[in-house]
Protein backbone atom coordinates (compact mmCIF):
# COMPACT_ATOMS: atom_id res chain seq x y z
CA MET A 1 107.23 69.79 103.49
CA ALA A 2 106.52 69.69 99.80
CA ARG A 3 107.71 66.79 97.70
CA ALA A 4 109.56 67.29 94.44
CA PRO A 5 109.55 64.52 91.81
CA ARG A 6 112.90 62.81 91.45
CA GLY A 7 112.50 60.29 88.66
CA LYS A 8 111.10 56.75 88.83
CA GLY A 9 108.50 57.87 91.33
CA GLU A 10 110.96 58.87 94.05
CA ALA A 11 110.39 62.10 95.92
CA VAL A 12 112.79 64.23 97.92
CA ALA A 13 111.60 66.46 100.73
CA GLN A 14 111.87 70.16 99.90
CA PRO A 15 111.80 72.68 102.76
CA GLU A 16 108.90 75.10 102.57
CA VAL A 17 110.03 78.70 102.57
CA ALA A 18 107.71 81.46 103.72
CA ALA A 19 107.36 84.01 100.96
CA THR A 20 108.55 87.45 102.00
CA PRO A 21 107.02 90.29 100.06
CA PRO A 22 109.50 92.05 97.79
CA THR A 23 110.55 95.48 98.93
CA PRO A 24 112.05 98.48 97.13
CA ALA A 25 114.59 98.92 99.92
CA GLN A 26 117.68 97.12 101.10
CA VAL A 27 119.31 97.56 104.50
CA THR A 28 122.99 98.47 104.12
CA ALA A 29 125.86 99.00 106.55
CA HIS A 30 125.18 102.75 106.55
CA GLY A 31 121.39 102.79 106.44
CA LEU A 32 119.00 102.01 103.60
CA ARG A 33 119.22 101.88 99.82
CA LEU A 34 115.90 102.82 98.25
CA LEU A 35 115.03 101.99 94.63
CA VAL A 36 112.80 104.62 93.05
CA ARG A 37 110.94 105.28 89.82
CA LEU A 38 110.70 109.07 89.54
CA THR A 39 108.17 110.99 87.47
CA PRO A 40 109.20 114.64 87.07
CA LYS A 41 106.97 117.54 85.92
CA SER A 42 103.99 116.13 87.80
CA SER A 43 101.10 118.22 89.05
CA LEU A 44 102.12 117.54 92.68
CA ASP A 45 104.88 116.04 94.81
CA GLY A 46 104.09 112.73 96.44
CA LEU A 47 104.23 108.99 96.78
CA LYS A 48 102.22 107.19 94.13
CA GLY A 49 102.86 103.66 95.44
CA LEU A 50 104.91 100.69 94.31
CA PHE A 51 106.03 100.15 90.73
CA ALA A 52 106.62 96.54 89.64
CA GLY A 53 109.78 96.87 87.58
CA LEU A 54 111.63 94.09 85.80
CA ASP A 55 114.39 94.24 88.40
CA GLY A 56 111.96 94.20 91.33
CA PRO A 57 109.66 96.67 93.03
CA ARG A 58 110.46 100.36 93.17
CA LEU A 59 108.93 103.19 95.12
CA GLU A 60 107.07 105.38 92.64
CA LEU A 61 107.48 109.08 93.37
CA LYS A 62 106.14 112.14 91.58
CA VAL A 63 107.72 115.59 91.77
CA ARG A 64 106.77 118.92 90.24
CA ALA A 65 110.36 119.85 89.36
CA ALA A 66 111.59 119.51 85.79
CA PRO A 67 114.44 117.12 85.04
CA GLU A 68 116.89 119.95 84.41
CA ASP A 69 120.15 120.67 86.24
CA GLY A 70 119.35 118.06 88.92
CA ALA A 71 116.19 119.84 90.08
CA ALA A 72 114.04 116.70 89.97
CA ASN A 73 116.69 114.69 91.84
CA ALA A 74 116.92 117.36 94.54
CA ALA A 75 113.11 117.41 94.82
CA ALA A 76 113.09 113.62 95.15
CA GLU A 77 115.70 113.80 97.93
CA ARG A 78 113.57 116.36 99.80
CA LEU A 79 110.44 114.23 99.34
CA ILE A 80 112.13 111.04 100.57
CA ALA A 81 113.49 112.91 103.60
CA LYS A 82 110.01 114.20 104.39
CA LEU A 83 108.32 110.81 103.89
CA LEU A 84 110.81 108.96 106.11
CA ASP A 85 111.16 111.81 108.63
CA VAL A 86 114.93 112.14 108.29
CA PRO A 87 117.12 115.21 107.69
CA ARG A 88 117.49 116.17 104.04
CA THR A 89 121.26 115.75 104.38
CA SER A 90 120.75 112.04 105.17
CA VAL A 91 119.42 111.34 101.65
CA ALA A 92 121.80 111.10 98.70
CA LEU A 93 121.40 109.99 95.10
CA ALA A 94 123.47 106.81 94.63
CA HIS A 95 122.89 106.29 90.92
CA GLY A 96 120.53 107.13 88.10
CA ALA A 97 121.13 110.88 87.82
CA THR A 98 119.70 111.07 84.30
CA SER A 99 117.34 108.08 84.45
CA ARG A 100 113.85 107.79 85.86
CA TYR A 101 115.06 104.64 87.67
CA LYS A 102 117.18 105.75 90.62
CA ALA A 103 118.71 104.53 93.84
CA PHE A 104 118.97 106.72 96.92
CA ASP A 105 121.08 106.02 100.00
CA ILE A 106 119.54 107.09 103.29
CA ALA A 107 121.94 107.35 106.23
CA GLY A 108 120.75 106.10 109.60
CA ASP A 109 119.53 102.94 111.29
CA GLY A 110 118.59 100.68 108.37
CA ALA A 111 116.17 98.55 110.38
CA GLU A 112 114.30 101.60 111.70
CA LEU A 113 114.18 103.21 108.25
CA SER A 114 112.88 99.94 106.81
CA LYS A 115 110.08 99.90 109.41
CA ARG A 116 109.15 103.49 108.56
CA LEU A 117 109.03 102.61 104.87
CA ALA A 118 106.87 99.54 105.56
CA ALA A 119 104.45 101.65 107.61
CA LEU A 120 104.35 104.27 104.86
CA LEU A 121 103.59 101.64 102.23
CA SER A 122 100.93 99.94 104.36
CA ASP A 123 99.22 103.33 104.85
CA LYS A 124 99.36 103.93 101.10
CA THR A 125 97.97 100.52 100.12
CA GLY A 126 95.70 99.80 103.03
C-alpha cells in the first residue's frame, strides 16, 4: 500500500489500484459502444490503430468513401462489421454523423466483442 501525506507527518494507507489500459470500447446492455476517429477519402479502407483523443482513446479507421450523403459512415459500419466478424446489420452509428469523432453501437455479446477488439488491437500493435 502506498502512503499519502496527511499533514504533520501522518500518513494514511491508500489502496493500490492496478492500472487498466484505456479502451475505445464500452460494454453496454445490448453489446458494445465503440468510439471511433474516422478519416474519409483515404487511399484504402482499414484500421490505423488507436488515436489518443482528449476524451480518451478512439479506434482510428480510414475509409475510401467521401463524407457525402452518409457514404463514409456506411463504409465505416461495413469495416467495423468486417473487423469484428459480425453481421453488417449489427453495427449502427450512435452519434457523430457529421463529425470525424463517432460512436458506433454493435449488437451482440459485449464481453465477446470486447475480446475480439482486444485481439484485433494486440495484432495491430504487437
